[in-house]
Amino acid sequence: MNSIVNEFAKTEHGVVTFASSQGRETSEESAAWGHGAFTKALIEGLAGKADLLRDGTITVSELAAFIANRMKSLTDGGQHPVMSRPPPSPTSPSRS
């Protein structure tokens, strides 16, 4: 799985990838959520809770920070999401 994520993260692909947990962790789910902790955190973040600067925009960095903090709370620190993104290219915008 890590090789797939690493391939997508290459600069020429320009793809940001998120994984719900680290390699040897299990992804927690709850019937009350209707899905896993990662999906719950992602949905909440994209719905606006990840706009940490309250400027009407959610950056990849804000989303990653929100998901990590929210999942720590949801799973009592038992699940750690992973984000990978390509390094900025000289022609890419500087926005995170």
PDB file of N, CA and C in Angstrom:
ATOM      1  N   MET A   1       0.821  -1.198   0.000  1.00  0.00           N
ATOM      2  CA  MET A   1       0.000   0.000   0.000  1.00  0.00           C
ATOM      3  C   MET A   1       0.860   1.255   0.000  1.00  0.00           C
ATOM      4  N   ASN A   2       1.931   1.259   0.787  1.00  0.00           N
ATOM      5  CA  ASN A   2       2.795   2.436   0.841  1.00  0.00           C
ATOM      6  C   ASN A   2       3.382   2.774  -0.517  1.00  0.00           C
ATOM      7  N   SER A   3       3.712   1.777  -1.335  1.00  0.00           N
ATOM      8  CA  SER A   3       4.277   2.045  -2.655  1.00  0.00           C
ATOM      9  C   SER A   3       3.263   2.751  -3.558  1.00  0.00           C
ATOM     10  N   ILE A   4       2.007   2.402  -3.425  1.00  0.00           N
ATOM     11  CA  ILE A   4       0.959   3.070  -4.206  1.00  0.00           C
ATOM     12  C   ILE A   4       0.849   4.535  -3.795  1.00  0.00           C
ATOM     13  N   VAL A   5       0.820   4.792  -2.484  1.00  0.00           N
ATOM     14  CA  VAL A   5       0.750   6.162  -1.981  1.00  0.00           C
ATOM     15  C   VAL A   5       1.971   6.955  -2.437  1.00  0.00           C
ATOM     16  N   ASN A   6       3.147   6.361  -2.346  1.00  0.00           N
ATOM     17  CA  ASN A   6       4.371   7.042  -2.766  1.00  0.00           C
ATOM     18  C   ASN A   6       4.356   7.360  -4.254  1.00  0.00           C
ATOM     19  N   GLU A   7       3.815   6.465  -5.063  1.00  0.00           N
ATOM     20  CA  GLU A   7       3.732   6.714  -6.499  1.00  0.00           C
ATOM     21  C   GLU A   7       2.824   7.906  -6.799  1.00  0.00           C
ATOM     22  N   PHE A   8       1.679   7.978  -6.143  1.00  0.00           N
ATOM     23  CA  PHE A   8       0.769   9.110  -6.342  1.00  0.00           C
ATOM     24  C   PHE A   8       1.379  10.422  -5.861  1.00  0.00           C
ATOM     25  N   ALA A   9       2.225  10.364  -4.865  1.00  0.00           N
ATOM     26  CA  ALA A   9       2.787  11.571  -4.273  1.00  0.00           C
ATOM     27  C   ALA A   9       3.926  12.180  -5.079  1.00  0.00           C
ATOM     28  N   LYS A  10       4.338  11.536  -6.143  1.00  0.00           N
ATOM     29  CA  LYS A  10       5.411  12.094  -6.968  1.00  0.00           C
ATOM     30  C   LYS A  10       4.965  13.418  -7.572  1.00  0.00           C
ATOM     31  N   THR A  11       5.908  14.325  -7.713  1.00  0.00           N
ATOM     32  CA  THR A  11       5.616  15.674  -8.191  1.00  0.00           C
ATOM     33  C   THR A  11       4.838  15.686  -9.493  1.00  0.00           C
ATOM     34  N   GLU A  12       5.196  14.812 -10.433  1.00  0.00           N
ATOM     35  CA  GLU A  12       4.539  14.864 -11.742  1.00  0.00           C
ATOM     36  C   GLU A  12       3.066  14.489 -11.693  1.00  0.00           C
ATOM     37  N   HIS A  13       2.647  13.805 -10.636  1.00  0.00           N
ATOM     38  CA  HIS A  13       1.235  13.444 -10.510  1.00  0.00           C
ATOM     39  C   HIS A  13       0.436  14.538  -9.806  1.00  0.00           C
ATOM     40  N   GLY A  14       1.053  15.245  -8.884  1.00  0.00           N
ATOM     41  CA  GLY A  14       0.379  16.331  -8.179  1.00  0.00           C
ATOM     42  C   GLY A  14      -0.816  15.897  -7.356  1.00  0.00           C
ATOM     43  N   VAL A  15      -0.789  14.685  -6.835  1.00  0.00           N
ATOM     44  CA  VAL A  15      -1.916  14.144  -6.097  1.00  0.00           C
ATOM     45  C   VAL A  15      -1.611  14.133  -4.603  1.00  0.00           C
ATOM     46  N   VAL A  16      -2.535  14.642  -3.817  1.00  0.00           N
ATOM     47  CA  VAL A  16      -2.438  14.555  -2.365  1.00  0.00           C
ATOM     48  C   VAL A  16      -3.211  13.308  -1.953  1.00  0.00           C
ATOM     49  N   THR A  17      -2.588  12.483  -1.126  1.00  0.00           N
ATOM     50  CA  THR A  17      -3.260  11.269  -0.679  1.00  0.00           C
ATOM     51  C   THR A  17      -3.396  11.274   0.836  1.00  0.00           C
ATOM     52  N   PHE A  18      -4.504  10.755   1.296  1.00  0.00           N
ATOM     53  CA  PHE A  18      -4.739  10.545   2.717  1.00  0.00           C
ATOM     54  C   PHE A  18      -4.977   9.059   2.920  1.00  0.00           C
ATOM     55  N   ALA A  19      -4.482   8.527   4.015  1.00  0.00           N
ATOM     56  CA  ALA A  19      -4.789   7.163   4.422  1.00  0.00           C
ATOM     57  C   ALA A  19      -5.351   7.233   5.831  1.00  0.00           C
ATOM     58  N   SER A  20      -6.286   6.361   6.128  1.00  0.00           N
ATOM     59  CA  SER A  20      -6.983   6.444   7.408  1.00  0.00           C
ATOM     60  C   SER A  20      -6.139   6.034   8.595  1.00  0.00           C
ATOM     61  N   SER A  21      -5.084   5.269   8.357  1.00  0.00           N
ATOM     62  CA  SER A  21      -4.249   4.818   9.472  1.00  0.00           C
ATOM     63  C   SER A  21      -2.860   4.455   8.970  1.00  0.00           C
ATOM     64  N   GLN A  22      -1.946   4.322   9.903  1.00  0.00           N
ATOM     65  CA  GLN A  22      -0.596   3.899   9.560  1.00  0.00           C
ATOM     66  C   GLN A  22      -0.586   2.407   9.287  1.00  0.00           C
ATOM     67  N   GLY A  23       0.473   1.931   8.682  1.00  0.00           N
ATOM     68  CA  GLY A  23       0.586   0.572   8.179  1.00  0.00           C
ATOM     69  C   GLY A  23       0.067  -0.555   9.037  1.00  0.00           C
ATOM     70  N   ARG A  24       0.421  -0.607  10.299  1.00  0.00           N
ATOM     71  CA  ARG A  24       0.031  -1.748  11.139  1.00  0.00           C
ATOM     72  C   ARG A  24      -1.169  -1.448  12.040  1.00  0.00           C
ATOM     73  N   GLU A  25      -1.780  -0.301  11.864  1.00  0.00           N
ATOM     74  CA  GLU A  25      -2.956   0.057  12.665  1.00  0.00           C
ATOM     75  C   GLU A  25      -4.228  -0.425  11.978  1.00  0.00           C
ATOM     76  N   THR A  26      -5.255  -0.612  12.762  1.00  0.00           N
ATOM     77  CA  THR A  26      -6.566  -0.890  12.192  1.00  0.00           C
ATOM     78  C   THR A  26      -7.367   0.404  12.181  1.00  0.00           C
ATOM     79  N   SER A  27      -8.277   0.494  11.250  1.00  0.00           N
ATOM     80  CA  SER A  27      -9.132   1.672  11.148  1.00  0.00           C
ATOM     81  C   SER A  27     -10.406   1.419  11.934  1.00  0.00           C
ATOM     82  N   GLU A  28     -10.688   2.290  12.884  1.00  0.00           N
ATOM     83  CA  GLU A  28     -11.852   2.122  13.758  1.00  0.00           C
ATOM     84  C   GLU A  28     -13.131   2.578  13.069  1.00  0.00           C
ATOM     85  N   GLU A  29     -14.187   1.827  13.291  1.00  0.00           N
ATOM     86  CA  GLU A  29     -15.514   2.156  12.784  1.00  0.00           C
ATOM     87  C   GLU A  29     -16.510   2.115  13.920  1.00  0.00           C
ATOM     88  N   SER A  30     -17.635   2.791  13.712  1.00  0.00           N
ATOM     89  CA  SER A  30     -18.695   2.798  14.713  1.00  0.00           C
ATOM     90  C   SER A  30     -20.043   2.817  14.017  1.00  0.00           C
ATOM     91  N   ALA A  31     -20.943   1.993  14.501  1.00  0.00           N
ATOM     92  CA  ALA A  31     -22.298   1.985  13.947  1.00  0.00           C
ATOM     93  C   ALA A  31     -22.956   3.356  14.142  1.00  0.00           C
ATOM     94  N   ALA A  32     -22.622   4.029  15.219  1.00  0.00           N
ATOM     95  CA  ALA A  32     -23.189   5.356  15.493  1.00  0.00           C
ATOM     96  C   ALA A  32     -22.757   6.374  14.433  1.00  0.00           C
ATOM     97  N   TRP A  33     -21.557   6.213  13.898  1.00  0.00           N
ATOM     98  CA  TRP A  33     -21.065   7.133  12.860  1.00  0.00           C
ATOM     99  C   TRP A  33     -21.561   6.731  11.483  1.00  0.00           C
ATOM    100  N   GLY A  34     -21.813   5.424  11.305  1.00  0.00           N
ATOM    101  CA  GLY A  34     -22.208   4.924  10.000  1.00  0.00           C
ATOM    102  C   GLY A  34     -21.027   4.676   9.083  1.00  0.00           C
ATOM    103  N   HIS A  35     -19.819   4.842   9.598  1.00  0.00           N
ATOM    104  CA  HIS A  35     -18.583   4.638   8.836  1.00  0.00           C
ATOM    105  C   HIS A  35     -17.411   4.722   9.795  1.00  0.00           C
ATOM    106  N   GLY A  36     -16.216   4.869   9.271  1.00  0.00           N
ATOM    107  CA  GLY A  36     -15.036   4.913  10.118  1.00  0.00           C
ATOM    108  C   GLY A  36     -14.721   6.296  10.663  1.00  0.00           C
ATOM    109  N   ALA A  37     -13.775   6.321  11.598  1.00  0.00           N
ATOM    110  CA  ALA A  37     -13.338   7.575  12.220  1.00  0.00           C
ATOM    111  C   ALA A  37     -12.734   8.524  11.191  1.00  0.00           C
ATOM    112  N   PHE A  38     -11.962   7.994  10.260  1.00  0.00           N
ATOM    113  CA  PHE A  38     -11.354   8.845   9.238  1.00  0.00           C
ATOM    114  C   PHE A  38     -12.428   9.522   8.391  1.00  0.00           C
ATOM    115  N   THR A  39     -13.398   8.740   7.933  1.00  0.00           N
ATOM    116  CA  THR A  39     -14.471   9.308   7.105  1.00  0.00           C
ATOM    117  C   THR A  39     -15.253  10.360   7.884  1.00  0.00           C
ATOM    118  N   LYS A  40     -15.520  10.087   9.148  1.00  0.00           N
ATOM    119  CA  LYS A  40     -16.233  11.070   9.980  1.00  0.00           C
ATOM    120  C   LYS A  40     -15.444  12.368  10.062  1.00  0.00           C
ATOM    121  N   ALA A  41     -14.145  12.264  10.340  1.00  0.00           N
ATOM    122  CA  ALA A  41     -13.307  13.464  10.446  1.00  0.00           C
ATOM    123  C   ALA A  41     -13.213  14.197   9.108  1.00  0.00           C
ATOM    124  N   LEU A  42     -13.087  13.449   8.024  1.00  0.00           N
ATOM    125  CA  LEU A  42     -13.007  14.054   6.689  1.00  0.00           C
ATOM    126  C   LEU A  42     -14.287  14.815   6.353  1.00  0.00           C
ATOM    127  N   ILE A  43     -15.426  14.195   6.591  1.00  0.00           N
ATOM    128  CA  ILE A  43     -16.714  14.843   6.300  1.00  0.00           C
ATOM    129  C   ILE A  43     -16.877  16.114   7.133  1.00  0.00           C
ATOM    130  N   GLU A  44     -16.565  16.030   8.420  1.00  0.00           N
ATOM    131  CA  GLU A  44     -16.665  17.213   9.281  1.00  0.00           C
ATOM    132  C   GLU A  44     -15.721  18.317   8.804  1.00  0.00           C
ATOM    133  N   GLY A  45     -14.511  17.919   8.447  1.00  0.00           N
ATOM    134  CA  GLY A  45     -13.532  18.911   7.983  1.00  0.00           C
ATOM    135  C   GLY A  45     -13.976  19.602   6.720  1.00  0.00           C
ATOM    136  N   LEU A  46     -14.417  18.827   5.728  1.00  0.00           N
ATOM    137  CA  LEU A  46     -14.861  19.411   4.458  1.00  0.00           C
ATOM    138  C   LEU A  46     -16.141  20.219   4.607  1.00  0.00           C
ATOM    139  N   ALA A  47     -16.920  19.926   5.650  1.00  0.00           N
ATOM    140  CA  ALA A  47     -18.151  20.683   5.906  1.00  0.00           C
ATOM    141  C   ALA A  47     -17.852  22.052   6.524  1.00  0.00           C
ATOM    142  N   GLY A  48     -16.581  22.318   6.826  1.00  0.00           N
ATOM    143  CA  GLY A  48     -16.214  23.643   7.318  1.00  0.00           C
ATOM    144  C   GLY A  48     -15.397  23.668   8.591  1.00  0.00           C
ATOM    145  N   LYS A  49     -15.410  22.587   9.342  1.00  0.00           N
ATOM    146  CA  LYS A  49     -14.680  22.594  10.609  1.00  0.00           C
ATOM    147  C   LYS A  49     -13.166  22.657  10.422  1.00  0.00           C
ATOM    148  N   ALA A  50     -12.674  22.330   9.240  1.00  0.00           N
ATOM    149  CA  ALA A  50     -11.230  22.398   8.983  1.00  0.00           C
ATOM    150  C   ALA A  50     -10.766  23.792   8.570  1.00  0.00           C
ATOM    151  N   ASP A  51     -11.682  24.731   8.453  1.00  0.00           N
ATOM    152  CA  ASP A  51     -11.301  26.108   8.130  1.00  0.00           C
ATOM    153  C   ASP A  51     -10.738  26.750   9.401  1.00  0.00           C
ATOM    154  N   LEU A  52      -9.548  26.343   9.752  1.00  0.00           N
ATOM    155  CA  LEU A  52      -8.953  26.741  11.025  1.00  0.00           C
ATOM    156  C   LEU A  52      -8.657  28.229  11.112  1.00  0.00           C
ATOM    157  N   LEU A  53      -8.397  28.880   9.985  1.00  0.00           N
ATOM    158  CA  LEU A  53      -8.130  30.321   9.974  1.00  0.00           C
ATOM    159  C   LEU A  53      -9.406  31.143   9.832  1.00  0.00           C
ATOM    160  N   ARG A  54     -10.541  30.463   9.656  1.00  0.00           N
ATOM    161  CA  ARG A  54     -11.843  31.127   9.508  1.00  0.00           C
ATOM    162  C   ARG A  54     -11.828  32.179   8.399  1.00  0.00           C
ATOM    163  N   ASP A  55     -11.206  31.799   7.257  1.00  0.00           N
ATOM    164  CA  ASP A  55     -11.127  32.726   6.127  1.00  0.00           C
ATOM    165  C   ASP A  55     -11.962  32.269   4.934  1.00  0.00           C
ATOM    166  N   GLY A  56     -12.798  31.246   5.137  1.00  0.00           N
ATOM    167  CA  GLY A  56     -13.662  30.761   4.071  1.00  0.00           C
ATOM    168  C   GLY A  56     -13.002  29.781   3.124  1.00  0.00           C
ATOM    169  N   THR A  57     -11.762  29.396   3.403  1.00  0.00           N
ATOM    170  CA  THR A  57     -11.029  28.464   2.556  1.00  0.00           C
ATOM    171  C   THR A  57     -10.431  27.365   3.418  1.00  0.00           C
ATOM    172  N   ILE A  58     -10.483  26.144   2.925  1.00  0.00           N
ATOM    173  CA  ILE A  58      -9.856  25.022   3.615  1.00  0.00           C
ATOM    174  C   ILE A  58      -8.658  24.583   2.790  1.00  0.00           C
ATOM    175  N   THR A  59      -7.467  24.734   3.343  1.00  0.00           N
ATOM    176  CA  THR A  59      -6.268  24.294   2.646  1.00  0.00           C
ATOM    177  C   THR A  59      -5.996  22.828   2.974  1.00  0.00           C
ATOM    178  N   VAL A  60      -5.133  22.219   2.213  1.00  0.00           N
ATOM    179  CA  VAL A  60      -4.744  20.838   2.474  1.00  0.00           C
ATOM    180  C   VAL A  60      -4.120  20.733   3.858  1.00  0.00           C
ATOM    181  N   SER A  61      -3.296  21.700   4.220  1.00  0.00           N
ATOM    182  CA  SER A  61      -2.650  21.688   5.541  1.00  0.00           C
ATOM    183  C   SER A  61      -3.674  21.798   6.665  1.00  0.00           C
ATOM    184  N   GLU A  62      -4.667  22.655   6.496  1.00  0.00           N
ATOM    185  CA  GLU A  62      -5.715  22.785   7.505  1.00  0.00           C
ATOM    186  C   GLU A  62      -6.510  21.490   7.629  1.00  0.00           C
ATOM    187  N   LEU A  63      -6.852  20.885   6.481  1.00  0.00           N
ATOM    188  CA  LEU A  63      -7.614  19.644   6.502  1.00  0.00           C
ATOM    189  C   LEU A  63      -6.822  18.539   7.196  1.00  0.00           C
ATOM    190  N   ALA A  64      -5.543  18.434   6.873  1.00  0.00           N
ATOM    191  CA  ALA A  64      -4.702  17.406   7.498  1.00  0.00           C
ATOM    192  C   ALA A  64      -4.616  17.610   9.007  1.00  0.00           C
ATOM    193  N   ALA A  65      -4.433  18.844   9.442  1.00  0.00           N
ATOM    194  CA  ALA A  65      -4.341  19.133  10.875  1.00  0.00           C
ATOM    195  C   ALA A  65      -5.659  18.821  11.574  1.00  0.00           C
ATOM    196  N   PHE A  66      -6.775  19.218  10.963  1.00  0.00           N
ATOM    197  CA  PHE A  66      -8.078  18.944  11.564  1.00  0.00           C
ATOM    198  C   PHE A  66      -8.318  17.445  11.682  1.00  0.00           C
ATOM    199  N   ILE A  67      -8.069  16.712  10.597  1.00  0.00           N
ATOM    200  CA  ILE A  67      -8.299  15.269  10.612  1.00  0.00           C
ATOM    201  C   ILE A  67      -7.446  14.604  11.690  1.00  0.00           C
ATOM    202  N   ALA A  68      -6.179  14.957  11.780  1.00  0.00           N
ATOM    203  CA  ALA A  68      -5.296  14.352  12.781  1.00  0.00           C
ATOM    204  C   ALA A  68      -5.802  14.615  14.198  1.00  0.00           C
ATOM    205  N   ASN A  69      -6.182  15.844  14.481  1.00  0.00           N
ATOM    206  CA  ASN A  69      -6.671  16.187  15.821  1.00  0.00           C
ATOM    207  C   ASN A  69      -8.016  15.541  16.119  1.00  0.00           C
ATOM    208  N   ARG A  70      -8.898  15.526  15.138  1.00  0.00           N
ATOM    209  CA  ARG A  70     -10.230  14.952  15.351  1.00  0.00           C
ATOM    210  C   ARG A  70     -10.146  13.436  15.551  1.00  0.00           C
ATOM    211  N   MET A  71      -9.283  12.792  14.779  1.00  0.00           N
ATOM    212  CA  MET A  71      -9.143  11.343  14.922  1.00  0.00           C
ATOM    213  C   MET A  71      -8.492  10.967  16.243  1.00  0.00           C
ATOM    214  N   LYS A  72      -7.616  11.806  16.727  1.00  0.00           N
ATOM    215  CA  LYS A  72      -7.026  11.559  18.052  1.00  0.00           C
ATOM    216  C   LYS A  72      -8.137  11.512  19.093  1.00  0.00           C
ATOM    217  N   SER A  73      -9.081  12.438  18.971  1.00  0.00           N
ATOM    218  CA  SER A  73     -10.211  12.490  19.888  1.00  0.00           C
ATOM    219  C   SER A  73     -11.160  11.303  19.690  1.00  0.00           C
ATOM    220  N   LEU A  74     -11.492  11.001  18.443  1.00  0.00           N
ATOM    221  CA  LEU A  74     -12.449   9.932  18.147  1.00  0.00           C
ATOM    222  C   LEU A  74     -11.937   8.546  18.534  1.00  0.00           C
ATOM    223  N   THR A  75     -10.625   8.334  18.426  1.00  0.00           N
ATOM    224  CA  THR A  75     -10.061   6.994  18.641  1.00  0.00           C
ATOM    225  C   THR A  75      -9.187   6.916  19.890  1.00  0.00           C
ATOM    226  N   ASP A  76      -9.267   7.904  20.748  1.00  0.00           N
ATOM    227  CA  ASP A  76      -8.429   7.948  21.947  1.00  0.00           C
ATOM    228  C   ASP A  76      -6.953   7.755  21.611  1.00  0.00           C
ATOM    229  N   GLY A  77      -6.539   8.340  20.494  1.00  0.00           N
ATOM    230  CA  GLY A  77      -5.142   8.276  20.081  1.00  0.00           C
ATOM    231  C   GLY A  77      -4.718   6.960  19.477  1.00  0.00           C
ATOM    232  N   GLY A  78      -5.662   6.091  19.168  1.00  0.00           N
ATOM    233  CA  GLY A  78      -5.328   4.765  18.666  1.00  0.00           C
ATOM    234  C   GLY A  78      -5.162   4.650  17.164  1.00  0.00           C
ATOM    235  N   GLN A  79      -5.532   5.696  16.441  1.00  0.00           N
ATOM    236  CA  GLN A  79      -5.452   5.654  14.978  1.00  0.00           C
ATOM    237  C   GLN A  79      -4.820   6.951  14.493  1.00  0.00           C
ATOM    238  N   HIS A  80      -3.868   6.827  13.586  1.00  0.00           N
ATOM    239  CA  HIS A  80      -3.103   7.987  13.122  1.00  0.00           C
ATOM    240  C   HIS A  80      -3.181   8.092  11.599  1.00  0.00           C
ATOM    241  N   PRO A  81      -3.908   9.069  11.079  1.00  0.00           N
ATOM    242  CA  PRO A  81      -4.017   9.219   9.630  1.00  0.00           C
ATOM    243  C   PRO A  81      -2.677   9.648   9.035  1.00  0.00           C
ATOM    244  N   VAL A  82      -2.523   9.387   7.759  1.00  0.00           N
ATOM    245  CA  VAL A  82      -1.301   9.724   7.045  1.00  0.00           C
ATOM    246  C   VAL A  82      -1.672  10.567   5.833  1.00  0.00           C
ATOM    247  N   MET A  83      -0.910  11.638   5.606  1.00  0.00           N
ATOM    248  CA  MET A  83      -1.097  12.444   4.411  1.00  0.00           C
ATOM    249  C   MET A  83       0.217  12.502   3.668  1.00  0.00           C
ATOM    250  N   SER A  84       0.146  12.396   2.360  1.00  0.00           N
ATOM    251  CA  SER A  84       1.327  12.521   1.528  1.00  0.00           C
ATOM    252  C   SER A  84       0.984  13.459   0.383  1.00  0.00           C
ATOM    253  N   ARG A  85       1.901  14.360   0.101  1.00  0.00           N
ATOM    254  CA  ARG A  85       1.692  15.251  -1.040  1.00  0.00           C
ATOM    255  C   ARG A  85       3.028  15.513  -1.700  1.00  0.00           C
ATOM    256  N   PRO A  86       2.987  15.790  -2.986  1.00  0.00           N
ATOM    257  CA  PRO A  86       4.245  16.029  -3.689  1.00  0.00           C
ATOM    258  C   PRO A  86       4.877  17.335  -3.229  1.00  0.00           C
ATOM    259  N   PRO A  87       6.186  17.422  -3.328  1.00  0.00           N
ATOM    260  CA  PRO A  87       6.820  18.706  -3.011  1.00  0.00           C
ATOM    261  C   PRO A  87       6.378  19.738  -4.033  1.00  0.00           C
ATOM    262  N   PRO A  88       6.372  21.014  -3.639  1.00  0.00           N
ATOM    263  CA  PRO A  88       5.945  22.040  -4.590  1.00  0.00           C
ATOM    264  C   PRO A  88       6.912  22.120  -5.775  1.00  0.00           C
ATOM    265  N   SER A  89       6.355  22.288  -6.953  1.00  0.00           N
ATOM    266  CA  SER A  89       7.190  22.475  -8.128  1.00  0.00           C
ATOM    267  C   SER A  89       7.404  23.972  -8.316  1.00  0.00           C
ATOM    268  N   PRO A  90       8.409  24.354  -9.083  1.00  0.00           N
ATOM    269  CA  PRO A  90       8.681  25.784  -9.262  1.00  0.00           C
ATOM    270  C   PRO A  90       7.522  26.559  -9.867  1.00  0.00           C
ATOM    271  N   THR A  91       6.616  25.867 -10.569  1.00  0.00           N
ATOM    272  CA  THR A  91       5.498  26.559 -11.213  1.00  0.00           C
ATOM    273  C   THR A  91       4.198  26.450 -10.453  1.00  0.00           C
ATOM    274  N   SER A  92       4.209  25.728  -9.311  1.00  0.00           N
ATOM    275  CA  SER A  92       2.970  25.560  -8.561  1.00  0.00           C
ATOM    276  C   SER A  92       2.717  26.757  -7.660  1.00  0.00           C
ATOM    277  N   PRO A  93       1.441  27.060  -7.383  1.00  0.00           N
ATOM    278  CA  PRO A  93       1.134  28.152  -6.453  1.00  0.00           C
ATOM    279  C   PRO A  93       1.668  27.823  -5.066  1.00  0.00           C
ATOM    280  N   SER A  94       1.957  28.827  -4.281  1.00  0.00           N
ATOM    281  CA  SER A  94       2.548  28.605  -2.969  1.00  0.00           C
ATOM    282  C   SER A  94       1.528  28.292  -1.888  1.00  0.00           C
ATOM    283  N   ARG A  95       0.270  28.312  -2.202  1.00  0.00           N
ATOM    284  CA  ARG A  95      -0.780  28.059  -1.215  1.00  0.00           C
ATOM    285  C   ARG A  95      -0.711  26.631  -0.693  1.00  0.00           C
ATOM    286  N   SER A  96      -0.840  26.426   0.608  1.00  0.00           N
ATOM    287  CA  SER A  96      -0.755  25.083   1.215  1.00  0.00           C
ATOM    288  C   SER A  96      -2.073  24.388   1.167  1.00  0.00           C
TER     289      SER A  96
END
